[in-house]
Every structure is written in structure tokens, then in C-alpha cells.
Amino acid sequence: MSKIYLDVQAPGVARTYEFSADSAMTVGKVKNQFISQISAVEGREIFADPAQVLFCSQALEGLLQDGEILGEVGVKSGDTIILL
């Protein structure tokens, strides 16, 4: 287990956030934490249906599935994640 630091873009609010996550966590768990924290910072719900939010890796050039482990699929510190 190691911490990775990610830039997370939320085009719906035209902002980028900085987060840390554990490389042994699943994409789904990390995605839900990001959504909760972004909503808390913005003071409102940003995503109409969090279950439909896509977790995209700019470095890996694609969508990541909720069951995948961040470290196992190659997500590393400094990567940019886009929540759509």
C-alpha cells in the first residue's frame, strides 16, 4: 500500500482538484470518495447520479472499471483523472 497523488478534473464545474488515494483501493471506492469530497467543497451535489460517473485516466487513455485496483492497472502519482 502506498499513497498516490492525483489531479482530478470535473468538467461539469470546470475545476481541477488534488487528491491522494491508496494504490490498493478499487476505482469504485476512490471514485465515490472523490465525488463526496468534491460535493462537500462545492457545497452542492455536482453529479446527478454518482453511479453513472465515469472514471477516466488521461495517462492510460481510457475508462477504468469500478472493480479494478488503482496500482494494478497502472495509476500512479501525478496522473490526471477525469470524472465524467
N, C-alpha and C. Protein backbone atom coordinates (compact mmCIF):
# COMPACT_ATOMS: atom_id res chain seq x y z
N MET A 1 0.84 -1.18 0.00
CA MET A 1 0.00 0.00 0.00
C MET A 1 0.88 1.24 0.00
N SER A 2 0.57 2.12 -0.93
CA SER A 2 1.29 3.38 -0.96
C SER A 2 0.35 4.48 -1.44
N LYS A 3 0.62 5.68 -0.97
CA LYS A 3 -0.19 6.82 -1.36
C LYS A 3 0.19 7.26 -2.76
N ILE A 4 -0.83 7.59 -3.54
CA ILE A 4 -0.61 8.20 -4.84
C ILE A 4 -1.38 9.51 -4.85
N TYR A 5 -0.82 10.48 -5.53
CA TYR A 5 -1.41 11.81 -5.58
C TYR A 5 -1.90 12.06 -7.00
N LEU A 6 -3.18 12.45 -7.10
CA LEU A 6 -3.83 12.59 -8.39
C LEU A 6 -4.44 13.97 -8.57
N ASP A 7 -4.42 14.46 -9.80
CA ASP A 7 -5.19 15.63 -10.18
C ASP A 7 -6.50 15.10 -10.72
N VAL A 8 -7.61 15.61 -10.21
CA VAL A 8 -8.93 15.13 -10.62
C VAL A 8 -9.69 16.28 -11.26
N GLN A 9 -10.03 16.10 -12.53
CA GLN A 9 -10.77 17.12 -13.26
C GLN A 9 -12.26 16.78 -13.22
N ALA A 10 -13.06 17.80 -12.97
CA ALA A 10 -14.51 17.68 -13.02
C ALA A 10 -15.01 18.71 -14.02
N PRO A 11 -15.12 18.32 -15.29
CA PRO A 11 -15.51 19.27 -16.33
C PRO A 11 -16.87 19.94 -16.07
N GLY A 12 -17.74 19.27 -15.33
CA GLY A 12 -19.06 19.84 -15.04
C GLY A 12 -19.00 21.14 -14.26
N VAL A 13 -17.93 21.33 -13.51
CA VAL A 13 -17.75 22.58 -12.75
C VAL A 13 -16.48 23.32 -13.19
N ALA A 14 -15.83 22.79 -14.24
CA ALA A 14 -14.63 23.40 -14.82
C ALA A 14 -13.55 23.64 -13.75
N ARG A 15 -13.29 22.60 -12.94
CA ARG A 15 -12.28 22.71 -11.89
C ARG A 15 -11.42 21.45 -11.85
N THR A 16 -10.23 21.65 -11.29
CA THR A 16 -9.33 20.53 -11.04
C THR A 16 -9.04 20.50 -9.54
N TYR A 17 -9.06 19.31 -8.97
CA TYR A 17 -8.84 19.11 -7.54
C TYR A 17 -7.62 18.21 -7.37
N GLU A 18 -6.97 18.31 -6.22
CA GLU A 18 -5.86 17.43 -5.89
C GLU A 18 -6.29 16.48 -4.78
N PHE A 19 -6.06 15.19 -5.00
CA PHE A 19 -6.43 14.18 -4.03
C PHE A 19 -5.30 13.19 -3.85
N SER A 20 -5.34 12.50 -2.72
CA SER A 20 -4.45 11.36 -2.53
C SER A 20 -5.33 10.14 -2.32
N ALA A 21 -4.80 9.00 -2.72
CA ALA A 21 -5.53 7.74 -2.58
C ALA A 21 -4.51 6.65 -2.31
N ASP A 22 -4.99 5.53 -1.84
CA ASP A 22 -4.14 4.38 -1.61
C ASP A 22 -4.12 3.55 -2.89
N SER A 23 -2.95 3.15 -3.32
CA SER A 23 -2.82 2.41 -4.58
C SER A 23 -3.51 1.03 -4.54
N ALA A 24 -3.85 0.55 -3.34
CA ALA A 24 -4.51 -0.75 -3.20
C ALA A 24 -6.03 -0.64 -3.20
N MET A 25 -6.56 0.58 -3.35
CA MET A 25 -8.01 0.78 -3.34
C MET A 25 -8.61 0.52 -4.72
N THR A 26 -9.89 0.16 -4.72
CA THR A 26 -10.58 -0.03 -6.00
C THR A 26 -10.97 1.32 -6.59
N VAL A 27 -11.11 1.32 -7.89
CA VAL A 27 -11.54 2.53 -8.61
C VAL A 27 -12.88 2.99 -8.07
N GLY A 28 -13.82 2.07 -7.84
CA GLY A 28 -15.15 2.43 -7.35
C GLY A 28 -15.12 3.14 -6.02
N LYS A 29 -14.31 2.64 -5.10
CA LYS A 29 -14.22 3.25 -3.77
C LYS A 29 -13.60 4.64 -3.86
N VAL A 30 -12.53 4.76 -4.64
CA VAL A 30 -11.86 6.05 -4.81
C VAL A 30 -12.80 7.05 -5.49
N LYS A 31 -13.50 6.59 -6.51
CA LYS A 31 -14.44 7.45 -7.24
C LYS A 31 -15.51 8.00 -6.30
N ASN A 32 -16.07 7.14 -5.46
CA ASN A 32 -17.10 7.58 -4.52
C ASN A 32 -16.55 8.59 -3.51
N GLN A 33 -15.31 8.38 -3.06
CA GLN A 33 -14.70 9.35 -2.13
C GLN A 33 -14.48 10.69 -2.83
N PHE A 34 -13.99 10.66 -4.06
CA PHE A 34 -13.78 11.90 -4.80
C PHE A 34 -15.08 12.66 -4.99
N ILE A 35 -16.14 11.95 -5.37
CA ILE A 35 -17.45 12.58 -5.59
C ILE A 35 -17.94 13.22 -4.29
N SER A 36 -17.84 12.51 -3.17
CA SER A 36 -18.28 13.05 -1.88
C SER A 36 -17.50 14.29 -1.49
N GLN A 37 -16.18 14.23 -1.67
CA GLN A 37 -15.34 15.35 -1.28
C GLN A 37 -15.54 16.56 -2.19
N ILE A 38 -15.71 16.34 -3.47
CA ILE A 38 -15.97 17.45 -4.39
C ILE A 38 -17.30 18.11 -4.05
N SER A 39 -18.33 17.31 -3.80
CA SER A 39 -19.64 17.85 -3.43
C SER A 39 -19.55 18.66 -2.15
N ALA A 40 -18.76 18.19 -1.18
CA ALA A 40 -18.60 18.91 0.09
C ALA A 40 -17.90 20.25 -0.13
N VAL A 41 -16.86 20.26 -0.94
CA VAL A 41 -16.13 21.50 -1.21
C VAL A 41 -17.02 22.50 -1.95
N GLU A 42 -17.80 22.01 -2.91
CA GLU A 42 -18.66 22.89 -3.71
C GLU A 42 -19.95 23.27 -2.99
N GLY A 43 -20.29 22.54 -1.93
CA GLY A 43 -21.49 22.84 -1.17
C GLY A 43 -22.78 22.42 -1.86
N ARG A 44 -22.66 21.52 -2.83
CA ARG A 44 -23.84 21.01 -3.56
C ARG A 44 -23.47 19.73 -4.28
N GLU A 45 -24.49 19.01 -4.71
CA GLU A 45 -24.26 17.80 -5.48
C GLU A 45 -23.84 18.19 -6.90
N ILE A 46 -22.71 17.70 -7.33
CA ILE A 46 -22.19 18.02 -8.66
C ILE A 46 -22.66 17.01 -9.69
N PHE A 47 -22.75 15.76 -9.28
CA PHE A 47 -23.10 14.68 -10.19
C PHE A 47 -24.52 14.22 -9.89
N ALA A 48 -25.39 14.28 -10.90
CA ALA A 48 -26.79 13.92 -10.72
C ALA A 48 -26.95 12.47 -10.25
N ASP A 49 -26.20 11.56 -10.83
CA ASP A 49 -26.27 10.15 -10.45
C ASP A 49 -24.84 9.61 -10.31
N PRO A 50 -24.30 9.61 -9.08
CA PRO A 50 -22.92 9.16 -8.87
C PRO A 50 -22.62 7.76 -9.43
N ALA A 51 -23.63 6.91 -9.51
CA ALA A 51 -23.42 5.56 -10.03
C ALA A 51 -23.09 5.57 -11.53
N GLN A 52 -23.45 6.65 -12.20
CA GLN A 52 -23.21 6.76 -13.65
C GLN A 52 -21.93 7.52 -14.00
N VAL A 53 -21.19 7.99 -13.00
CA VAL A 53 -19.98 8.76 -13.24
C VAL A 53 -18.88 7.84 -13.78
N LEU A 54 -18.20 8.30 -14.83
CA LEU A 54 -17.11 7.56 -15.44
C LEU A 54 -15.78 8.04 -14.88
N PHE A 55 -14.88 7.12 -14.62
CA PHE A 55 -13.56 7.39 -14.06
C PHE A 55 -12.56 7.17 -15.19
N CYS A 56 -12.04 8.25 -15.74
CA CYS A 56 -11.16 8.17 -16.91
C CYS A 56 -9.74 8.55 -16.53
N SER A 57 -8.79 7.78 -17.02
CA SER A 57 -7.37 8.06 -16.78
C SER A 57 -6.79 8.68 -18.04
N GLN A 58 -6.26 9.88 -17.91
CA GLN A 58 -5.65 10.55 -19.05
C GLN A 58 -4.38 9.81 -19.48
N ALA A 59 -3.56 9.38 -18.53
CA ALA A 59 -2.30 8.70 -18.84
C ALA A 59 -2.54 7.33 -19.49
N LEU A 60 -3.57 6.62 -19.03
CA LEU A 60 -3.87 5.30 -19.57
C LEU A 60 -4.80 5.37 -20.78
N GLU A 61 -5.27 6.57 -21.09
CA GLU A 61 -6.12 6.83 -22.25
C GLU A 61 -7.38 5.98 -22.29
N GLY A 62 -8.09 5.93 -21.16
CA GLY A 62 -9.31 5.16 -21.17
C GLY A 62 -10.07 5.16 -19.86
N LEU A 63 -11.18 4.45 -19.89
CA LEU A 63 -12.05 4.31 -18.73
C LEU A 63 -11.53 3.19 -17.84
N LEU A 64 -11.66 3.39 -16.54
CA LEU A 64 -11.31 2.35 -15.59
C LEU A 64 -12.60 1.83 -14.95
N GLN A 65 -12.65 0.54 -14.73
CA GLN A 65 -13.84 -0.10 -14.16
C GLN A 65 -13.79 -0.07 -12.64
N ASP A 66 -14.96 -0.01 -12.00
CA ASP A 66 -15.06 0.13 -10.55
C ASP A 66 -14.33 -0.96 -9.77
N GLY A 67 -14.24 -2.15 -10.28
CA GLY A 67 -13.62 -3.25 -9.56
C GLY A 67 -12.10 -3.31 -9.69
N GLU A 68 -11.53 -2.50 -10.54
CA GLU A 68 -10.08 -2.54 -10.75
C GLU A 68 -9.34 -1.86 -9.60
N ILE A 69 -8.14 -2.34 -9.30
CA ILE A 69 -7.29 -1.78 -8.25
C ILE A 69 -6.37 -0.74 -8.90
N LEU A 70 -6.31 0.45 -8.31
CA LEU A 70 -5.53 1.54 -8.90
C LEU A 70 -4.11 1.13 -9.27
N GLY A 71 -3.37 0.58 -8.32
CA GLY A 71 -1.98 0.21 -8.55
C GLY A 71 -1.81 -0.89 -9.58
N GLU A 72 -2.76 -1.80 -9.65
CA GLU A 72 -2.65 -2.92 -10.57
C GLU A 72 -2.88 -2.52 -12.02
N VAL A 73 -3.66 -1.46 -12.26
CA VAL A 73 -3.92 -1.02 -13.64
C VAL A 73 -2.94 0.04 -14.10
N GLY A 74 -2.06 0.48 -13.21
CA GLY A 74 -1.02 1.41 -13.61
C GLY A 74 -1.24 2.87 -13.27
N VAL A 75 -2.22 3.18 -12.43
CA VAL A 75 -2.43 4.56 -11.99
C VAL A 75 -1.31 4.90 -11.01
N LYS A 76 -0.66 6.05 -11.24
CA LYS A 76 0.45 6.43 -10.37
C LYS A 76 0.39 7.92 -10.03
N SER A 77 1.20 8.32 -9.06
CA SER A 77 1.23 9.73 -8.63
C SER A 77 1.49 10.64 -9.82
N GLY A 78 0.76 11.74 -9.83
CA GLY A 78 0.90 12.73 -10.89
C GLY A 78 -0.07 12.54 -12.03
N ASP A 79 -0.76 11.39 -12.07
CA ASP A 79 -1.73 11.15 -13.14
C ASP A 79 -2.93 12.08 -13.01
N THR A 80 -3.60 12.30 -14.13
CA THR A 80 -4.82 13.08 -14.15
C THR A 80 -6.01 12.15 -14.36
N ILE A 81 -6.99 12.28 -13.50
CA ILE A 81 -8.23 11.52 -13.58
C ILE A 81 -9.34 12.50 -13.96
N ILE A 82 -10.20 12.08 -14.86
CA ILE A 82 -11.33 12.91 -15.28
C ILE A 82 -12.61 12.20 -14.87
N LEU A 83 -13.47 12.90 -14.13
CA LEU A 83 -14.77 12.35 -13.73
C LEU A 83 -15.83 12.92 -14.66
N LEU A 84 -16.45 12.06 -15.44
CA LEU A 84 -17.49 12.48 -16.40
C LEU A 84 -18.84 11.93 -16.00
